Amino acid sequence: MLVETRYEHVMLSDARIPMISGTDMKVTELVLAHIAYGWSPEELHFQFPHLTLGQIYSALAYYWDHREELDKKIEARLEATEKLRRGIGETPLMARLRAKGLIA
């Protein structure tokens, strides 16, 4: 079940995760692409052609209106990912690249 928000193209999942309506894309996924690559809404539309500009602008507006909360969630995901990465250790590919002197 989704709960409507005051943002036309943003819905909250059962877990209260903001999603772009009509897609399986989280608002934070779009925001991370926007921040990481510096993409404008038009470039985001080019990169994600299944999204309308209305969906993109609505998702970005939702992010800016809920920035502190969403930034905390993004940070928590990054920390969890880094913890998992450290727990895995060096992969065979990394070992081969290191042995060839291609990475430090």
C-alpha atoms as a PDB file:
ATOM      1  CA  MET A   1       0.000   0.000   0.000  1.00  0.00           C
ATOM      2  CA  LEU A   2       1.285   3.450  -0.896  1.00  0.00           C
ATOM      3  CA  VAL A   3       0.428   6.668   0.920  1.00  0.00           C
ATOM      4  CA  GLU A   4      -0.039   9.858  -1.081  1.00  0.00           C
ATOM      5  CA  THR A   5       2.115  12.869  -0.322  1.00  0.00           C
ATOM      6  CA  ARG A   6       1.635  16.512  -1.230  1.00  0.00           C
ATOM      7  CA  TYR A   7       4.132  15.885  -4.031  1.00  0.00           C
ATOM      8  CA  GLU A   8       2.258  14.768  -7.125  1.00  0.00           C
ATOM      9  CA  HIS A   9       4.874  12.266  -8.266  1.00  0.00           C
ATOM     10  CA  VAL A  10       6.152  10.979  -4.914  1.00  0.00           C
ATOM     11  CA  MET A  11       4.573   8.188  -2.904  1.00  0.00           C
ATOM     12  CA  LEU A  12       5.667   6.604   0.374  1.00  0.00           C
ATOM     13  CA  SER A  13       6.044   2.833   0.451  1.00  0.00           C
ATOM     14  CA  ASP A  14       4.781   0.715   3.347  1.00  0.00           C
ATOM     15  CA  ALA A  15       8.244   1.162   4.864  1.00  0.00           C
ATOM     16  CA  ARG A  16       7.820   4.972   4.482  1.00  0.00           C
ATOM     17  CA  ILE A  17      10.460   5.133   1.745  1.00  0.00           C
ATOM     18  CA  PRO A  18       9.799   7.945  -0.757  1.00  0.00           C
ATOM     19  CA  MET A  19       9.381   6.449  -4.227  1.00  0.00           C
ATOM     20  CA  ILE A  20       8.803   8.072  -7.605  1.00  0.00           C
ATOM     21  CA  SER A  21       5.197   7.274  -8.544  1.00  0.00           C
ATOM     22  CA  GLY A  22       4.715   4.668 -11.239  1.00  0.00           C
ATOM     23  CA  THR A  23       8.284   3.387 -10.898  1.00  0.00           C
ATOM     24  CA  ASP A  24      10.363   1.289  -8.552  1.00  0.00           C
ATOM     25  CA  MET A  25      12.899   4.107  -8.160  1.00  0.00           C
ATOM     26  CA  LYS A  26      13.580   5.627  -4.768  1.00  0.00           C
ATOM     27  CA  VAL A  27      13.837   9.399  -4.517  1.00  0.00           C
ATOM     28  CA  THR A  28      17.286   8.958  -2.940  1.00  0.00           C
ATOM     29  CA  GLU A  29      18.524   7.019  -5.993  1.00  0.00           C
ATOM     30  CA  LEU A  30      17.683   9.954  -8.247  1.00  0.00           C
ATOM     31  CA  VAL A  31      19.159  12.426  -5.764  1.00  0.00           C
ATOM     32  CA  LEU A  32      22.419  10.455  -5.544  1.00  0.00           C
ATOM     33  CA  ALA A  33      22.787  10.612  -9.341  1.00  0.00           C
ATOM     34  CA  HIS A  34      22.024  14.341  -9.202  1.00  0.00           C
ATOM     35  CA  ILE A  35      24.668  14.939  -6.513  1.00  0.00           C
ATOM     36  CA  ALA A  36      27.341  12.478  -7.674  1.00  0.00           C
ATOM     37  CA  TYR A  37      27.387  13.600 -11.296  1.00  0.00           C
ATOM     38  CA  GLY A  38      26.085  17.145 -10.952  1.00  0.00           C
ATOM     39  CA  TRP A  39      23.336  16.361 -13.440  1.00  0.00           C
ATOM     40  CA  SER A  40      20.624  18.923 -14.063  1.00  0.00           C
ATOM     41  CA  PRO A  41      16.993  17.799 -14.139  1.00  0.00           C
ATOM     42  CA  GLU A  42      17.211  17.740 -17.941  1.00  0.00           C
ATOM     43  CA  GLU A  43      20.304  15.528 -17.841  1.00  0.00           C
ATOM     44  CA  LEU A  44      18.610  13.263 -15.300  1.00  0.00           C
ATOM     45  CA  HIS A  45      15.735  12.954 -17.783  1.00  0.00           C
ATOM     46  CA  PHE A  46      18.206  12.019 -20.522  1.00  0.00           C
ATOM     47  CA  GLN A  47      19.860   9.434 -18.257  1.00  0.00           C
ATOM     48  CA  PHE A  48      16.531   8.090 -16.935  1.00  0.00           C
ATOM     49  CA  PRO A  49      14.192   8.467 -19.936  1.00  0.00           C
ATOM     50  CA  HIS A  50      11.458   6.457 -18.199  1.00  0.00           C
ATOM     51  CA  LEU A  51      11.017   9.417 -15.813  1.00  0.00           C
ATOM     52  CA  THR A  52       9.145  12.546 -16.803  1.00  0.00           C
ATOM     53  CA  LEU A  53      10.543  15.963 -15.976  1.00  0.00           C
ATOM     54  CA  GLY A  54       7.555  16.370 -13.643  1.00  0.00           C
ATOM     55  CA  GLN A  55       8.575  13.240 -11.745  1.00  0.00           C
ATOM     56  CA  ILE A  56      12.173  14.441 -11.549  1.00  0.00           C
ATOM     57  CA  TYR A  57      11.328  17.940 -10.346  1.00  0.00           C
ATOM     58  CA  SER A  58       8.831  16.568  -7.831  1.00  0.00           C
ATOM     59  CA  ALA A  59      11.391  14.085  -6.469  1.00  0.00           C
ATOM     60  CA  LEU A  60      14.026  16.819  -6.170  1.00  0.00           C
ATOM     61  CA  ALA A  61      11.531  19.128  -4.437  1.00  0.00           C
ATOM     62  CA  TYR A  62      10.692  16.334  -2.004  1.00  0.00           C
ATOM     63  CA  TYR A  63      14.392  15.844  -1.308  1.00  0.00           C
ATOM     64  CA  TRP A  64      15.055  19.529  -0.639  1.00  0.00           C
ATOM     65  CA  ASP A  65      12.032  19.744   1.647  1.00  0.00           C
ATOM     66  CA  HIS A  66      13.190  16.636   3.576  1.00  0.00           C
ATOM     67  CA  ARG A  67      16.936  16.997   3.078  1.00  0.00           C
ATOM     68  CA  GLU A  68      18.115  16.414   6.645  1.00  0.00           C
ATOM     69  CA  GLU A  69      16.099  13.213   7.063  1.00  0.00           C
ATOM     70  CA  LEU A  70      17.049  11.795   3.648  1.00  0.00           C
ATOM     71  CA  ASP A  71      20.721  12.737   4.038  1.00  0.00           C
ATOM     72  CA  LYS A  72      20.799  10.760   7.294  1.00  0.00           C
ATOM     73  CA  LYS A  73      19.336   7.729   5.503  1.00  0.00           C
ATOM     74  CA  ILE A  74      21.836   8.078   2.652  1.00  0.00           C
ATOM     75  CA  GLU A  75      24.716   8.339   5.133  1.00  0.00           C
ATOM     76  CA  ALA A  76      23.506   5.258   7.018  1.00  0.00           C
ATOM     77  CA  ARG A  77      23.351   3.275   3.759  1.00  0.00           C
ATOM     78  CA  LEU A  78      26.874   4.388   2.827  1.00  0.00           C
ATOM     79  CA  GLU A  79      28.197   3.373   6.249  1.00  0.00           C
ATOM     80  CA  ALA A  80      26.511  -0.041   6.022  1.00  0.00           C
ATOM     81  CA  THR A  81      27.918  -0.569   2.529  1.00  0.00           C
ATOM     82  CA  GLU A  82      31.412   0.396   3.664  1.00  0.00           C
ATOM     83  CA  LYS A  83      31.170  -1.970   6.630  1.00  0.00           C
ATOM     84  CA  LEU A  84      30.202  -4.823   4.313  1.00  0.00           C
ATOM     85  CA  ARG A  85      33.020  -3.935   1.911  1.00  0.00           C
ATOM     86  CA  ARG A  86      35.591  -3.984   4.714  1.00  0.00           C
ATOM     87  CA  GLY A  87      34.239  -7.324   5.937  1.00  0.00           C
ATOM     88  CA  ILE A  88      34.686  -8.947   2.537  1.00  0.00           C
ATOM     89  CA  GLY A  89      38.383  -8.168   2.351  1.00  0.00           C
ATOM     90  CA  GLU A  90      40.441  -8.148  -0.793  1.00  0.00           C
ATOM     91  CA  THR A  91      38.899  -9.794  -3.831  1.00  0.00           C
ATOM     92  CA  PRO A  92      40.958 -12.004  -6.175  1.00  0.00           C
ATOM     93  CA  LEU A  93      40.794  -9.278  -8.831  1.00  0.00           C
ATOM     94  CA  MET A  94      42.151  -6.670  -6.421  1.00  0.00           C
ATOM     95  CA  ALA A  95      44.961  -9.066  -5.438  1.00  0.00           C
ATOM     96  CA  ARG A  96      45.932  -9.575  -9.094  1.00  0.00           C
ATOM     97  CA  LEU A  97      45.878  -5.838  -9.806  1.00  0.00           C
ATOM     98  CA  ARG A  98      47.949  -5.152  -6.699  1.00  0.00           C
ATOM     99  CA  ALA A  99      50.462  -7.873  -7.683  1.00  0.00           C
ATOM    100  CA  LYS A 100      50.872  -6.226 -11.104  1.00  0.00           C
ATOM    101  CA  GLY A 101      51.405  -2.847  -9.452  1.00  0.00           C
ATOM    102  CA  LEU A 102      48.307  -1.416 -11.075  1.00  0.00           C
ATOM    103  CA  ILE A 103      46.827  -0.290  -7.739  1.00  0.00           C
ATOM    104  CA  ALA A 104      48.361   0.624  -4.433  1.00  0.00           C
END
